[in-house]
Amino acid sequence: MGAAGGRRRFYVGLALALASSAFIGGSFVLKKKGLLRLARRGRARPGQGGHAYLREWLWWAGLLCMGVGEAANFAAYAFAPATLVTPLGALSVLVSAVLSSTFLSEQLNVHGKIGCMLSILGSTVMVIHAPQEEEVSSLDSMAEKLKDPGFIVFAVCVLVSSLLLIFVAGPRYGRSNVLVYVLVCSAIGSLSVSCVKGLGIALKELFAGKPVLKEPLGWVLLLCLVICISVQINYLNKALDIFNTSVVTPVYYVLFTTAVMTCSAILFKEWQHMVLDNVVGTISGFLTIVCGIFLLHAFRDVSFAPDLLPLFLQPSRADLHAAWRSADRHRSCQHRPLLPSEDKGTEEDEEEEDV
């Protein structure tokens, strides 16, 4: 019965994570569409400190989609470990890239499509080899986890680095380097996942009839979650306004996944009881995702023309068959000299001697 219940929880968490990726991927496109409409109207953009997007219905539609996606993500974390839910965020990269190429006229070349496929494959490998977290079934056990010195050091490092990025690196490099604002979202996002896990446990206890509302930890986690999400929304809007959607989404995914995996490993000790096969599988899956994200990001502006294909794969070479029927058809094109021969007479004499 316990195994059947665990499997059922696994499939529920998987379905919620998939729905979350679809909604979140679409929210990026809707928000970007709204920001582009504001730019055409000459309104102050978020990258310049403006807040005119609050009067744009497309931006609110994107925010609603993100809210639904985050709610599904919230529920998924309550049913499954973070290292199962977080890698499935790669599907939001795929959804965002495809919708951006369709509705925003952003380029999605062959490299981007291969990158999306690699992200999906890597996520699948990570899900198969996902580590199991320590069981945390009550707010009391969650409070003990939050008091762990390793997590306290991690949280302090995240807060200090985020403040440095916001107040030092942001004004200087925020408009030229995509990593500045995305790093803020990712670092703060790792803490928001911990808050989500704690609130999920609190809701389970609330539905079980326990006096959770009297526990101060639940309210502290809720307040921290609101602050974290507000910071994420603000700086994600700035990144989307300045940089291309197909750039922000994958970079955000890689950094966010790395931060969440690190936070979960420290807080829930997920890697403590893993065997070598699962460790190698998890790392390999994540590196596969990183390679896919790199293809999607680094070669987004490279046009893959048919002329770059080998000769036998180029559909436009109608005279290719005629070349194969020529007198030198038995001689491979790849073995021909790159430069014309300077002494053709010598070659003819050598051919006559061979005959």
Foldseek 3Di string as FASTA:
>chain_A
DVVVVLVVLVVLLVVLLLLLLLLLLVLLVLLLVLQVVCVVVVHDALLNVDDPSVVGVSNVSSVVSNVSSVVSLLVSVLSAPPQLRLLSNLSSLVNNVVVCCVPVVFFQAPLLVVLSVLSVVLSVLSNVLPFHFADDQALVSLVVLCPDPLLVVLLVVLVVVLVCLVPPVCVPCVLPDLCSLLLNLQSLLLLLSSLSNSLSSLVVVVVVPDPSVVDVVNVVSVVSNVVSVVSNVSSLSNSSSRDPSSQNSLVSSLSNSVNNVVSRCSRRVRVVPHDPVSVVSNVVSSVSSVSSSCSSHVCSPPHDDLVPDPPVPRPPPPCPVVVCVDPVVVPDPVPDDPDDDPCVVVVVVVVVVVD
